[in-house]
């Protein structure tokens, strides 16, 4: 992951097929990306409906 962030200009983080975050790669680290993948909600939207909490 650090190598990918080092090469990328921009990162789009997906969760369950939806974009949950987009940002310049320099603003993210691998921990933030993983947090967004695991807990993110779509940008500009509300938390995903219809998905049971675990």
C-alpha atoms as a PDB file:
ATOM      1  CA  UNK A   1       0.000   0.000   0.000  1.00  0.00           C
ATOM      2  CA  UNK A   2       2.723   2.604   0.767  1.00  0.00           C
ATOM      3  CA  UNK A   3       4.196   2.027  -2.714  1.00  0.00           C
ATOM      4  CA  UNK A   4       0.818   2.603  -4.357  1.00  0.00           C
ATOM      5  CA  UNK A   5       0.245   5.809  -2.396  1.00  0.00           C
ATOM      6  CA  UNK A   6       3.746   6.938  -3.354  1.00  0.00           C
ATOM      7  CA  UNK A   7       3.023   6.489  -7.066  1.00  0.00           C
ATOM      8  CA  UNK A   8      -0.557   7.764  -7.151  1.00  0.00           C
ATOM      9  CA  UNK A   9      -1.661  11.360  -7.594  1.00  0.00           C
ATOM     10  CA  UNK A  10      -5.232  10.764  -6.470  1.00  0.00           C
ATOM     11  CA  UNK A  11      -6.937   7.966  -4.539  1.00  0.00           C
ATOM     12  CA  UNK A  12     -10.543   6.797  -4.778  1.00  0.00           C
ATOM     13  CA  UNK A  13     -11.529   4.524  -1.918  1.00  0.00           C
ATOM     14  CA  UNK A  14     -14.304   2.026  -2.676  1.00  0.00           C
ATOM     15  CA  UNK A  15     -16.486   0.132  -0.260  1.00  0.00           C
ATOM     16  CA  UNK A  16     -19.056  -2.370  -1.486  1.00  0.00           C
ATOM     17  CA  UNK A  17     -18.799  -0.938  -4.996  1.00  0.00           C
ATOM     18  CA  UNK A  18     -19.321   2.690  -3.968  1.00  0.00           C
ATOM     19  CA  UNK A  19     -16.835   5.546  -3.772  1.00  0.00           C
ATOM     20  CA  UNK A  20     -16.564   6.466  -0.099  1.00  0.00           C
ATOM     21  CA  UNK A  21     -13.707   8.958  -0.377  1.00  0.00           C
ATOM     22  CA  UNK A  22     -11.537  10.682  -2.948  1.00  0.00           C
ATOM     23  CA  UNK A  23      -8.462  12.745  -2.121  1.00  0.00           C
ATOM     24  CA  UNK A  24      -4.945  13.561  -3.250  1.00  0.00           C
ATOM     25  CA  UNK A  25      -2.686  10.632  -2.326  1.00  0.00           C
ATOM     26  CA  UNK A  26      -0.419  12.912  -0.283  1.00  0.00           C
ATOM     27  CA  UNK A  27      -3.315  13.501   2.156  1.00  0.00           C
ATOM     28  CA  UNK A  28      -3.780   9.795   2.958  1.00  0.00           C
ATOM     29  CA  UNK A  29      -1.782   7.064   4.614  1.00  0.00           C
ATOM     30  CA  UNK A  30      -2.483   3.347   4.536  1.00  0.00           C
ATOM     31  CA  UNK A  31      -4.243   3.413   7.921  1.00  0.00           C
ATOM     32  CA  UNK A  32      -6.663   6.125   6.767  1.00  0.00           C
ATOM     33  CA  UNK A  33      -7.403   4.244   3.530  1.00  0.00           C
ATOM     34  CA  UNK A  34      -8.149   1.045   5.439  1.00  0.00           C
ATOM     35  CA  UNK A  35     -10.358   2.941   7.917  1.00  0.00           C
ATOM     36  CA  UNK A  36     -12.332   4.376   4.996  1.00  0.00           C
ATOM     37  CA  UNK A  37     -12.707   0.965   3.346  1.00  0.00           C
ATOM     38  CA  UNK A  38     -13.965  -0.600   6.564  1.00  0.00           C
ATOM     39  CA  UNK A  39     -16.165   2.217   7.902  1.00  0.00           C
ATOM     40  CA  UNK A  40     -16.703   4.843   5.204  1.00  0.00           C
ATOM     41  CA  UNK A  41     -20.002   6.097   3.868  1.00  0.00           C
ATOM     42  CA  UNK A  42     -20.456   7.512   0.350  1.00  0.00           C
ATOM     43  CA  UNK A  43     -19.134  11.060  -0.004  1.00  0.00           C
ATOM     44  CA  UNK A  44     -21.825  13.644   0.283  1.00  0.00           C
ATOM     45  CA  UNK A  45     -24.336  11.027   1.331  1.00  0.00           C
ATOM     46  CA  UNK A  46     -25.704   9.415   4.408  1.00  0.00           C
ATOM     47  CA  UNK A  47     -24.537   6.054   5.744  1.00  0.00           C
ATOM     48  CA  UNK A  48     -25.591   3.184   3.539  1.00  0.00           C
ATOM     49  CA  UNK A  49     -29.112   2.035   4.148  1.00  0.00           C
ATOM     50  CA  UNK A  50     -30.183  -1.568   4.065  1.00  0.00           C
ATOM     51  CA  UNK A  51     -26.864  -2.939   5.250  1.00  0.00           C
ATOM     52  CA  UNK A  52     -27.160  -4.609   8.653  1.00  0.00           C
ATOM     53  CA  UNK A  53     -24.730  -3.511  11.344  1.00  0.00           C
ATOM     54  CA  UNK A  54     -22.226  -6.104  12.409  1.00  0.00           C
END
